[in-house]
Amino acid sequence: MFKTELNLLNKYLNEEYVGFNDKKDIITSMDFSNIHDFFPDVTEQLNKLHDPHLRIIDKLNTKKISILCKNHNNRLFVVKSIDPDISIGSEIIKIGEHSIQDIIENDANLLFDPNPERYEWHNVLRKYKTVTIKNGEVKNIFIASNDELYDEEYRIENHDDYIFIRLPDFKNVNALHELIKQNSNLLKRSKKFIIDVRDNRGGSDFAYFPLLEYIFPPGYILNIDYGLTFNYTKKYCDYMISKVDKDLMKMDEGETKEAFKEYRKRMSDNYGKGMTKFDDDIEPIVLDGIAQDIKVIVIANERCGSSGDNFVETVKHSEFVTVIGRATKGMNDYSNCSYLYLNDQFDLLCPYSRYNGLDHGVSMALKGITPDIEIPWTTEELSRDVLLEKAIQLVNE
């Protein structure tokens, strides 16, 4: 069953995945002999690699998982819901026919992270399809809905005593740049900022670059410790060149467009060359900002990843920034991904860059970027926004 898809998967892991040499012992030991339900069964094996960028993508996604869960002391609570029949704060006592403790003991690979505070429940929910609420009601967790569990709107809001900036992802470079441009006067004259990147689903680092001007002082030198090694296969280069060309068509002239052109040139110059390591002797980035005597509180959590990781790591260098909340997801040991075809329903999301810091024992896997002030999750967050309340307190001190 799924012979063609599994042969392709094996080929991609060996030839396309940039982490193959680091993880080949685990890859060769993974057991794909008993795949019945493709998505959860394959995900369970891939999760052994602890690479959150390497995963199965359901392109059809005809029904969405309707809830987002968080466990606390081995009790499971709904923290977000797009199902009107499952309310936020509901306690789940069973997933499928299994108790929460049974899931923790028997589905560790689907939970991905060994830290109970960072368990990821969505793949477990997908596998077992139903949940039992504490009141005894059994609910199907799939829903046909236009609503999303994760918000997608970039916002810059002028509150009485601070500016609130919501960044749910960094996927739409042009839209975020335009919003920052429209609010440039407000950002220039403001002295207090709260930037909320909780649940940030990543995208492109280029998206947040214009915001750094308002966070860093003039002439700030940002040192880059290590570069990247890319696996420039033909598949990856073809995918990225096509993607960048489409992005360029939508962009106004400026620094970001020039950076995209340079990125494209590097693809064409290295087309089909395979593993290519870039020198760690990287020119520092000069962030010629305008920030003076400002205060910035950044709110992060364990579901902020990829470019969200990079944003939090970057802004922590500013003397004006305090990051609060919880450590980010930690996705960027392997990054810069492409989609690889498995069948008409499923693709493999595959990373093509490797952080050279791994050769020196520097990794963010299973750790993320730690906040300056850690605020562990408790059930208080089910009824009020604890982290935003703390951010407002801090920004006004």
Protein backbone atom coordinates (compact mmCIF):
# COMPACT_ATOMS: atom_id res chain seq x y z
CA MET A 1 0.00 0.00 0.00
CA PHE A 2 1.31 3.48 -0.99
CA LYS A 3 4.32 1.81 -2.66
CA THR A 4 4.83 4.59 -5.22
CA GLU A 5 4.54 7.35 -2.61
CA LEU A 6 6.94 5.62 -0.21
CA ASN A 7 9.49 5.05 -2.98
CA LEU A 8 9.33 8.74 -3.82
CA LEU A 9 9.62 9.65 -0.15
CA ASN A 10 12.73 7.50 0.20
CA LYS A 11 14.23 9.07 -2.90
CA TYR A 12 13.55 12.59 -1.64
CA LEU A 13 15.02 11.89 1.80
CA ASN A 14 18.20 10.56 0.22
CA GLU A 15 18.64 13.03 -2.63
CA GLU A 16 16.79 16.22 -1.74
CA TYR A 17 16.70 16.53 2.06
CA VAL A 18 19.62 18.70 3.20
CA GLY A 19 19.74 16.95 6.58
CA PHE A 20 20.28 13.45 5.18
CA ASN A 21 23.96 13.18 6.13
CA ASP A 22 23.25 14.39 9.67
CA LYS A 23 20.34 12.03 10.17
CA LYS A 24 20.95 9.08 7.86
CA ASP A 25 21.15 6.56 10.71
CA ILE A 26 17.67 7.56 11.85
CA ILE A 27 16.37 7.69 8.27
CA THR A 28 17.59 4.18 7.48
CA SER A 29 16.01 2.87 10.68
CA MET A 30 12.56 4.38 10.05
CA ASP A 31 9.85 1.76 9.48
CA PHE A 32 7.45 2.42 6.61
CA SER A 33 6.28 -1.20 6.35
CA ASN A 34 2.97 -0.69 8.14
CA ILE A 35 1.46 2.43 6.54
CA HIS A 36 -2.34 2.31 6.50
CA ASP A 37 -3.41 5.91 7.13
CA PHE A 38 -0.78 7.78 5.10
CA PHE A 39 -0.67 11.16 6.83
CA PRO A 40 -0.37 10.16 10.52
CA ASP A 41 1.60 6.96 9.88
CA VAL A 42 4.26 8.68 7.77
CA THR A 43 4.30 11.72 10.04
CA GLU A 44 4.99 9.46 13.02
CA GLN A 45 8.16 8.20 11.29
CA LEU A 46 9.34 11.60 10.01
CA ASN A 47 8.93 13.15 13.46
CA LYS A 48 11.72 10.90 14.72
CA LEU A 49 14.05 13.31 12.89
CA HIS A 50 12.86 16.25 15.04
CA ASP A 51 12.91 18.55 12.03
CA PRO A 52 9.66 20.55 12.08
CA HIS A 53 10.19 21.81 8.53
CA LEU A 54 10.21 18.24 7.15
CA ARG A 55 6.60 17.12 7.02
CA ILE A 56 3.71 15.83 4.99
CA ILE A 57 1.38 18.47 3.51
CA ASP A 58 -2.24 17.66 2.73
CA LYS A 59 -2.94 19.76 -0.38
CA LEU A 60 -6.65 18.98 -0.45
CA ASN A 61 -7.33 19.68 3.22
CA THR A 62 -11.04 19.40 2.54
CA LYS A 63 -11.82 19.32 6.24
CA LYS A 64 -9.93 21.30 8.83
CA ILE A 65 -9.01 20.34 12.36
CA SER A 66 -11.30 22.59 14.35
CA ILE A 67 -9.42 22.94 17.65
CA LEU A 68 -6.02 23.80 19.03
CA CYS A 69 -5.05 22.18 22.33
CA LYS A 70 -2.60 22.69 25.15
CA ASN A 71 -1.82 20.27 27.94
CA HIS A 72 -1.17 21.24 31.54
CA ASN A 73 -0.20 18.61 34.10
CA ASN A 74 -1.37 15.86 31.70
CA ARG A 75 -4.78 17.49 31.31
CA LEU A 76 -5.74 18.68 27.84
CA PHE A 77 -7.60 21.94 27.17
CA VAL A 78 -8.98 23.62 24.05
CA VAL A 79 -7.22 26.96 23.57
CA LYS A 80 -8.67 27.83 20.14
CA SER A 81 -11.75 26.58 18.35
CA ILE A 82 -13.60 27.26 15.09
CA ASP A 83 -16.27 24.71 16.00
CA PRO A 84 -19.25 26.39 17.70
CA ASP A 85 -19.94 23.14 19.54
CA ILE A 86 -16.48 23.01 21.18
CA SER A 87 -15.78 26.02 23.37
CA ILE A 88 -12.43 27.42 24.41
CA GLY A 89 -11.55 26.10 27.86
CA SER A 90 -13.21 22.72 27.31
CA GLU A 91 -11.25 19.88 28.86
CA ILE A 92 -10.68 16.84 26.65
CA ILE A 93 -10.51 13.53 28.50
CA LYS A 94 -10.18 11.20 25.51
CA ILE A 95 -8.86 11.36 21.97
CA GLY A 96 -10.52 8.59 20.00
CA GLU A 97 -10.84 5.80 22.55
CA HIS A 98 -7.64 6.71 24.37
CA SER A 99 -7.06 8.65 27.56
CA ILE A 100 -4.66 11.59 27.47
CA GLN A 101 -2.13 9.59 29.49
CA ASP A 102 -2.36 6.71 26.98
CA ILE A 103 -1.68 9.13 24.12
CA ILE A 104 1.33 10.60 25.92
CA GLU A 105 2.76 7.12 26.52
CA ASN A 106 1.98 5.56 23.13
CA ASP A 107 2.02 8.40 20.57
CA ALA A 108 5.18 10.25 21.60
CA ASN A 109 6.40 10.63 18.00
CA LEU A 110 3.15 12.25 16.88
CA LEU A 111 3.46 14.72 19.79
CA PHE A 112 6.85 15.63 18.25
CA ASP A 113 8.47 17.44 21.17
CA PRO A 114 9.59 15.48 24.27
CA ASN A 115 8.83 18.49 26.49
CA PRO A 116 5.22 18.15 27.78
CA GLU A 117 4.80 21.93 27.72
CA ARG A 118 5.56 21.89 23.99
CA TYR A 119 3.55 18.85 22.86
CA GLU A 120 1.93 19.28 19.44
CA TRP A 121 -1.52 17.74 19.38
CA HIS A 122 -2.79 18.39 15.84
CA ASN A 123 -1.41 15.19 14.30
CA VAL A 124 -2.80 13.10 17.16
CA LEU A 125 -6.20 14.71 16.62
CA ARG A 126 -6.01 13.99 12.90
CA LYS A 127 -5.17 10.36 13.55
CA TYR A 128 -8.02 9.61 15.97
CA LYS A 129 -10.64 12.02 14.57
CA THR A 130 -12.83 12.40 17.68
CA VAL A 131 -12.50 13.81 21.19
CA THR A 132 -14.52 13.27 24.35
CA ILE A 133 -15.21 16.41 26.34
CA LYS A 134 -15.26 16.22 30.14
CA ASN A 135 -19.08 16.42 30.12
CA GLY A 136 -19.13 13.13 28.17
CA GLU A 137 -19.94 14.54 24.73
CA VAL A 138 -18.05 12.99 21.81
CA LYS A 139 -17.10 15.45 19.06
CA ASN A 140 -15.67 15.00 15.58
CA ILE A 141 -12.72 17.35 15.36
CA PHE A 142 -12.96 17.94 11.60
CA ILE A 143 -15.04 20.80 10.26
CA ALA A 144 -15.86 22.26 6.86
CA SER A 145 -15.42 25.98 7.51
CA ASN A 146 -14.00 29.14 5.99
CA ASP A 147 -12.72 30.15 9.41
CA GLU A 148 -9.08 29.61 10.37
CA LEU A 149 -7.56 28.57 13.68
CA TYR A 150 -4.69 30.94 12.98
CA ASP A 151 -5.41 34.60 12.23
CA GLU A 152 -3.89 35.97 9.04
CA GLU A 153 -4.31 39.76 9.31
CA TYR A 154 -1.35 42.09 9.79
CA ARG A 155 -2.30 44.91 12.14
CA ILE A 156 -0.70 48.14 13.35
CA GLU A 157 -3.00 49.80 15.88
CA ASN A 158 -2.62 53.08 17.73
CA HIS A 159 -3.70 52.61 21.32
CA ASP A 160 -3.71 55.46 23.79
CA ASP A 161 -0.30 54.74 25.27
CA TYR A 162 1.35 52.23 22.91
CA ILE A 163 1.38 50.89 19.35
CA PHE A 164 0.15 47.32 18.96
CA ILE A 165 1.58 45.33 16.05
CA ARG A 166 0.19 41.87 15.24
CA LEU A 167 2.31 39.67 12.97
CA PRO A 168 0.62 36.26 12.50
CA ASP A 169 3.13 35.26 9.81
CA PHE A 170 5.68 36.67 7.37
CA LYS A 171 4.24 35.12 4.23
CA ASN A 172 2.96 38.18 2.36
CA VAL A 173 6.04 40.36 1.90
CA ASN A 174 4.31 43.04 -0.16
CA ALA A 175 1.30 43.36 2.15
CA LEU A 176 3.39 43.77 5.29
CA HIS A 177 5.75 46.23 3.62
CA GLU A 178 2.79 48.30 2.46
CA LEU A 179 1.25 48.33 5.95
CA ILE A 180 4.55 49.46 7.48
CA LYS A 181 4.87 52.15 4.81
CA GLN A 182 1.32 53.41 5.42
CA ASN A 183 2.05 53.73 9.14
CA SER A 184 5.57 55.12 8.88
CA ASN A 185 4.75 58.47 10.52
CA LEU A 186 3.00 56.73 13.41
CA LEU A 187 5.94 54.36 13.88
CA LYS A 188 8.46 57.22 13.76
CA ARG A 189 6.84 59.29 16.49
CA SER A 190 5.86 56.44 18.81
CA LYS A 191 7.89 55.51 21.88
CA LYS A 192 6.12 52.37 23.10
CA PHE A 193 5.46 49.23 21.07
CA ILE A 194 3.96 45.81 21.70
CA ILE A 195 4.71 43.32 18.91
CA ASP A 196 2.71 40.08 19.07
CA VAL A 197 4.25 37.17 17.15
CA ARG A 198 2.47 34.37 19.00
CA ASP A 199 1.61 31.50 16.64
CA ASN A 200 3.62 33.18 13.86
CA ARG A 201 3.70 30.66 11.02
CA GLY A 202 6.81 31.94 9.29
CA GLY A 203 7.32 32.97 5.69
CA SER A 204 10.15 35.19 4.47
CA ASP A 205 12.64 37.12 6.60
CA PHE A 206 12.45 39.85 3.95
CA ALA A 207 8.93 40.59 5.17
CA TYR A 208 9.97 42.05 8.52
CA PHE A 209 13.16 43.88 7.47
CA PRO A 210 11.49 47.34 7.11
CA LEU A 211 10.18 47.06 10.68
CA LEU A 212 13.70 46.73 12.08
CA GLU A 213 14.34 50.40 11.26
CA TYR A 214 11.96 51.37 14.08
CA ILE A 215 13.42 48.89 16.59
CA PHE A 216 17.19 49.41 16.25
CA PRO A 217 19.30 52.52 16.87
CA PRO A 218 21.30 54.23 14.10
CA GLY A 219 24.30 52.31 12.77
CA TYR A 220 23.66 49.08 14.69
CA ILE A 221 26.00 46.27 13.58
CA LEU A 222 24.34 42.85 13.59
CA ASN A 223 26.95 40.11 13.45
CA ILE A 224 26.07 36.81 11.75
CA ASP A 225 27.98 33.96 13.38
CA TYR A 226 27.40 31.19 10.85
CA GLY A 227 26.23 30.83 7.28
CA LEU A 228 24.20 28.16 5.52
CA THR A 229 24.85 25.09 3.41
CA PHE A 230 22.34 24.61 0.60
CA ASN A 231 21.46 21.48 -1.32
CA TYR A 232 21.10 23.05 -4.76
CA THR A 233 19.37 20.22 -6.56
CA LYS A 234 17.68 20.84 -9.89
CA LYS A 235 14.27 20.33 -8.29
CA TYR A 236 14.94 22.95 -5.64
CA CYS A 237 16.44 25.51 -8.01
CA ASP A 238 13.60 25.11 -10.51
CA TYR A 239 11.02 25.56 -7.77
CA MET A 240 12.67 28.60 -6.20
CA ILE A 241 13.51 30.37 -9.46
CA SER A 242 9.89 30.04 -10.55
CA LYS A 243 8.63 31.23 -7.15
CA VAL A 244 10.99 34.21 -6.99
CA ASP A 245 10.11 35.25 -10.54
CA LYS A 246 6.42 35.39 -9.55
CA ASP A 247 7.28 37.39 -6.42
CA LEU A 248 9.41 39.85 -8.40
CA MET A 249 6.53 40.62 -10.74
CA LYS A 250 4.49 41.91 -7.77
CA MET A 251 7.24 43.99 -6.14
CA ASP A 252 7.98 47.68 -6.34
CA GLU A 253 11.57 48.70 -6.96
CA GLY A 254 13.67 48.93 -3.82
CA GLU A 255 16.05 47.11 -1.50
CA THR A 256 13.79 44.08 -1.05
CA LYS A 257 13.42 43.57 -4.80
CA GLU A 258 17.19 43.83 -5.24
CA ALA A 259 17.66 41.23 -2.47
CA PHE A 260 15.24 38.89 -4.24
CA LYS A 261 17.14 39.37 -7.51
CA GLU A 262 20.38 38.49 -5.76
CA TYR A 263 18.75 35.42 -4.23
CA ARG A 264 17.57 34.34 -7.69
CA LYS A 265 21.04 34.89 -9.15
CA ARG A 266 22.54 32.65 -6.48
CA MET A 267 20.06 29.94 -7.51
CA SER A 268 20.99 30.17 -11.17
CA ASP A 269 24.74 30.37 -10.43
CA ASN A 270 24.57 27.19 -8.34
CA TYR A 271 21.94 25.35 -10.38
CA GLY A 272 22.16 21.58 -9.85
CA LYS A 273 25.43 21.76 -7.87
CA GLY A 274 24.07 19.89 -4.85
CA MET A 275 25.54 20.55 -1.39
CA THR A 276 27.15 24.01 -1.41
CA LYS A 277 28.55 25.49 1.78
CA PHE A 278 28.75 29.25 2.09
CA ASP A 279 31.59 30.80 4.03
CA ASP A 280 30.91 31.60 7.68
CA ASP A 281 32.97 34.78 7.30
CA ILE A 282 29.82 36.81 6.67
CA GLU A 283 29.72 40.56 6.39
CA PRO A 284 27.82 42.01 9.37
CA ILE A 285 24.46 43.57 8.61
CA VAL A 286 24.22 47.29 9.29
CA LEU A 287 20.76 48.03 10.67
CA ASP A 288 20.65 51.80 10.27
CA GLY A 289 17.60 52.35 12.43
CA ILE A 290 16.04 55.45 13.94
CA ALA A 291 15.11 54.10 17.38
CA GLN A 292 16.01 56.24 20.39
CA ASP A 293 14.59 56.07 23.91
CA ILE A 294 11.83 53.65 22.95
CA LYS A 295 10.45 50.55 24.64
CA VAL A 296 9.46 47.42 22.69
CA ILE A 297 7.80 44.36 24.23
CA VAL A 298 7.68 41.31 21.95
CA ILE A 299 5.26 38.50 22.84
CA ALA A 300 6.29 35.03 21.64
CA ASN A 301 5.25 31.44 22.24
CA GLU A 302 6.06 27.85 21.32
CA ARG A 303 4.01 28.03 18.11
CA CYS A 304 6.06 30.93 16.71
CA GLY A 305 8.45 29.37 14.22
CA SER A 306 10.61 29.52 11.10
CA SER A 307 10.89 33.22 10.13
CA GLY A 308 9.14 33.85 13.45
CA ASP A 309 12.14 32.25 15.20
CA ASN A 310 14.48 34.48 13.19
CA PHE A 311 12.51 37.63 13.97
CA VAL A 312 12.60 37.00 17.72
CA GLU A 313 16.29 36.07 17.61
CA THR A 314 17.10 39.24 15.64
CA VAL A 315 15.12 41.78 17.70
CA LYS A 316 16.56 40.43 20.95
CA HIS A 317 19.78 42.16 19.91
CA SER A 318 18.15 45.59 20.27
CA GLU A 319 18.71 47.31 23.60
CA PHE A 320 15.11 48.53 23.44
CA VAL A 321 13.49 45.09 23.19
CA THR A 322 12.25 42.74 25.89
CA VAL A 323 10.84 39.39 24.74
CA ILE A 324 8.23 37.81 27.00
CA GLY A 325 6.23 34.60 26.92
CA ARG A 326 7.66 31.24 25.98
CA ALA A 327 10.50 29.95 23.83
CA THR A 328 9.78 29.87 20.11
CA LYS A 329 9.37 26.65 18.15
CA GLY A 330 12.98 26.33 16.97
CA MET A 331 12.64 25.37 13.30
CA ASN A 332 15.70 26.75 11.56
CA ASP A 333 18.48 24.19 11.86
CA TYR A 334 17.13 23.14 8.46
CA SER A 335 15.07 25.61 6.46
CA ASN A 336 14.41 27.16 3.02
CA CYS A 337 11.84 24.62 1.90
CA SER A 338 10.29 23.33 -1.30
CA TYR A 339 7.26 21.14 -1.98
CA LEU A 340 7.89 17.69 -3.45
CA TYR A 341 5.08 15.75 -5.12
CA LEU A 342 4.00 12.43 -3.59
CA ASN A 343 0.50 12.08 -5.03
CA ASP A 344 -2.50 14.23 -5.87
CA GLN A 345 -3.29 14.70 -2.17
CA PHE A 346 0.08 14.80 -0.43
CA ASP A 347 3.38 16.64 -0.85
CA LEU A 348 6.56 16.47 1.20
CA LEU A 349 7.70 19.82 2.56
CA CYS A 350 11.48 19.49 2.37
CA PRO A 351 14.22 21.81 3.74
CA TYR A 352 17.19 22.62 1.51
CA SER A 353 19.42 24.74 3.77
CA ARG A 354 21.44 23.64 6.79
CA TYR A 355 22.68 26.00 9.50
CA ASN A 356 26.47 25.76 9.68
CA GLY A 357 26.34 26.40 13.42
CA LEU A 358 25.36 22.73 13.77
CA ASP A 359 29.03 21.88 13.11
CA HIS A 360 29.88 23.86 16.25
CA GLY A 361 27.13 22.53 18.49
CA VAL A 362 24.82 25.50 17.97
CA SER A 363 21.20 24.44 17.45
CA MET A 364 17.69 25.74 18.14
CA ALA A 365 15.98 22.36 17.69
CA LEU A 366 13.54 21.47 20.49
CA LYS A 367 14.63 24.66 22.31
CA GLY A 368 13.71 27.65 20.20
CA ILE A 369 14.68 31.20 21.09
CA THR A 370 14.23 31.82 24.80
CA PRO A 371 12.39 34.92 26.03
CA ASP A 372 13.93 37.46 28.39
CA ILE A 373 10.98 36.95 30.72
CA GLU A 374 9.47 33.47 30.68
CA ILE A 375 5.80 33.15 31.52
CA PRO A 376 4.74 29.48 31.57
CA TRP A 377 1.30 28.57 30.27
CA THR A 378 -1.40 28.01 32.87
CA THR A 379 -5.16 27.60 32.66
CA GLU A 380 -5.46 31.32 33.44
CA GLU A 381 -4.85 31.88 29.72
CA LEU A 382 -8.13 30.17 28.91
CA SER A 383 -10.09 33.11 30.31
CA ARG A 384 -7.81 36.11 29.79
CA ASP A 385 -4.81 37.22 27.74
CA VAL A 386 -2.13 36.90 30.41
CA LEU A 387 0.79 37.67 28.10
CA LEU A 388 -0.79 40.79 26.60
CA GLU A 389 -1.67 42.05 30.07
CA LYS A 390 1.97 41.59 31.13
CA ALA A 391 3.19 43.31 27.97
CA ILE A 392 0.97 46.34 28.64
CA GLN A 393 2.24 46.50 32.22
CA LEU A 394 5.88 46.34 31.13
CA VAL A 395 5.62 48.83 28.29
CA ASN A 396 4.10 51.39 30.63
CA GLU A 397 6.57 50.99 33.50
